[in-house]
Amino acid sequence: MIDNPLQANLLVAKLNAALPLPATATPPLLAQLHEQAPGRDLSPQCQITGIHYAGDEGGIVCRLGFGHEDDEKVFFVSITHLTFDGRLPLAREIAAYQKHRIKRIRRSDATPQRRSISAG
């Protein structure tokens, strides 16, 4: 299990209550968004306009707004691909979630999968 379900759901509730939230897209995320929407003016600064929990595998997912809400293209990204101003009231909780989630994902990726051997 990657997330603590209770903690993740509590954070989702707090984030939903604080919407919209300012965030910054990381450079790798911004590059990927530019690939998906070529020609669209996307700055690193964005607004989180929606929060969802996609279960243990997906984690906390954010709907991003770049000030072009009339556009058809909608972006949903993991909260781990965003950075937040440290002065934001929920910044510490978000950072703790991100750090924990990234650490657990790396740990699970490094653990070799057990394989069952059947006698034949």
Protein backbone atom coordinates (compact mmCIF):
# COMPACT_ATOMS: atom_id res chain seq x y z
CA MET A 1 0.00 0.00 0.00
CA ILE A 2 1.39 3.36 -1.05
CA ASP A 3 -0.99 5.80 0.67
CA ASN A 4 -2.54 5.85 4.09
CA PRO A 5 -6.20 6.00 2.92
CA LEU A 6 -7.40 7.99 5.94
CA GLN A 7 -4.67 10.61 5.62
CA ALA A 8 -5.11 10.87 1.85
CA ASN A 9 -8.88 11.36 2.16
CA LEU A 10 -8.45 13.96 4.91
CA LEU A 11 -5.99 15.89 2.74
CA VAL A 12 -8.34 15.66 -0.27
CA ALA A 13 -11.15 17.14 1.85
CA LYS A 14 -8.91 20.01 3.03
CA LEU A 15 -7.70 20.69 -0.51
CA ASN A 16 -11.24 20.70 -1.90
CA ALA A 17 -12.26 23.22 0.77
CA ALA A 18 -9.35 25.49 -0.22
CA LEU A 19 -9.94 25.49 -4.01
CA PRO A 20 -8.80 27.12 -6.20
CA LEU A 21 -5.17 26.68 -5.15
CA PRO A 22 -2.13 28.22 -6.82
CA ALA A 23 0.53 25.76 -7.90
CA THR A 24 3.57 25.53 -10.15
CA ALA A 25 4.04 22.78 -12.71
CA THR A 26 7.45 21.14 -12.55
CA PRO A 27 9.60 21.49 -15.70
CA PRO A 28 9.15 17.83 -16.74
CA LEU A 29 5.38 18.13 -16.32
CA LEU A 30 5.27 21.38 -18.27
CA ALA A 31 7.24 19.79 -21.12
CA GLN A 32 4.76 16.90 -21.25
CA LEU A 33 1.79 19.28 -21.23
CA HIS A 34 3.31 21.24 -24.12
CA GLU A 35 3.60 17.97 -26.06
CA GLN A 36 -0.07 17.21 -25.41
CA ALA A 37 -1.24 20.72 -26.32
CA PRO A 38 1.19 22.11 -28.91
CA GLY A 39 0.82 25.81 -29.59
CA ARG A 40 -1.04 26.42 -26.36
CA ASP A 41 0.45 29.07 -24.09
CA LEU A 42 1.06 27.29 -20.78
CA SER A 43 3.03 28.97 -18.03
CA PRO A 44 4.40 27.07 -15.05
CA GLN A 45 1.95 28.99 -12.82
CA CYS A 46 -1.46 27.34 -12.69
CA GLN A 47 -4.53 26.95 -10.54
CA ILE A 48 -5.80 23.69 -9.13
CA THR A 49 -9.52 23.79 -9.87
CA GLY A 50 -10.44 20.25 -8.82
CA ILE A 51 -9.12 17.51 -6.54
CA HIS A 52 -9.85 13.78 -6.74
CA TYR A 53 -8.45 10.69 -5.10
CA ALA A 54 -7.70 8.00 -7.68
CA GLY A 55 -7.09 5.26 -5.16
CA ASP A 56 -3.79 3.90 -3.96
CA GLU A 57 -2.38 3.49 -7.47
CA GLY A 58 -3.28 6.98 -8.72
CA GLY A 59 -3.06 9.00 -5.54
CA ILE A 60 -4.28 12.59 -5.34
CA VAL A 61 -5.03 13.96 -8.80
CA CYS A 62 -5.47 17.66 -9.57
CA ARG A 63 -7.42 19.35 -12.36
CA LEU A 64 -5.31 22.23 -13.61
CA GLY A 65 -6.41 25.58 -14.97
CA PHE A 66 -4.08 27.87 -16.90
CA GLY A 67 -6.49 30.76 -17.40
CA HIS A 68 -7.83 29.30 -20.68
CA GLU A 69 -10.95 27.66 -19.28
CA ASP A 70 -12.76 28.09 -22.59
CA ASP A 71 -10.35 25.57 -24.15
CA GLU A 72 -11.43 22.00 -24.70
CA LYS A 73 -8.20 20.49 -23.33
CA VAL A 74 -8.36 19.62 -19.64
CA PHE A 75 -5.32 18.48 -17.67
CA PHE A 76 -5.38 16.10 -14.71
CA VAL A 77 -2.03 15.46 -13.03
CA SER A 78 -0.70 13.84 -9.89
CA ILE A 79 -0.12 16.27 -7.06
CA THR A 80 3.45 14.92 -6.93
CA HIS A 81 4.21 16.78 -10.19
CA LEU A 82 3.37 20.17 -8.71
CA THR A 83 5.16 22.52 -6.35
CA PHE A 84 3.54 24.90 -3.90
CA ASP A 85 4.44 28.16 -2.22
CA GLY A 86 5.64 27.35 1.30
CA ARG A 87 3.41 30.10 2.69
CA LEU A 88 0.27 28.28 1.53
CA PRO A 89 -1.64 27.06 4.63
CA LEU A 90 -1.64 23.43 3.41
CA ALA A 91 1.92 23.49 2.01
CA ARG A 92 3.42 21.35 4.78
CA GLU A 93 0.71 18.70 4.54
CA ILE A 94 1.00 18.60 0.75
CA ALA A 95 4.81 18.31 0.94
CA ALA A 96 4.56 15.50 3.51
CA TYR A 97 2.10 13.61 1.27
CA GLN A 98 4.29 14.12 -1.81
CA LYS A 99 7.45 13.00 -0.02
CA HIS A 100 5.76 9.93 1.46
CA ARG A 101 4.14 8.92 -1.83
CA ILE A 102 7.30 9.34 -3.91
CA LYS A 103 9.33 7.40 -1.34
CA ARG A 104 6.82 4.53 -1.27
CA ILE A 105 6.61 4.39 -5.07
CA ARG A 106 10.40 4.25 -5.38
CA ARG A 107 10.56 1.57 -2.73
CA SER A 108 7.90 -0.55 -4.46
CA ASP A 109 9.64 -0.12 -7.84
CA ALA A 110 12.94 -1.31 -6.35
CA THR A 111 11.40 -4.39 -4.74
CA PRO A 112 11.65 -7.37 -7.07
CA GLN A 113 8.31 -9.03 -7.71
CA ARG A 114 7.93 -12.47 -6.20
CA ARG A 115 7.19 -15.12 -8.73
CA SER A 116 5.37 -18.28 -7.99
CA ILE A 117 6.97 -21.42 -9.22
CA SER A 118 4.69 -24.25 -10.04
CA ALA A 119 5.83 -27.80 -9.87
CA GLY A 120 5.23 -29.46 -13.13
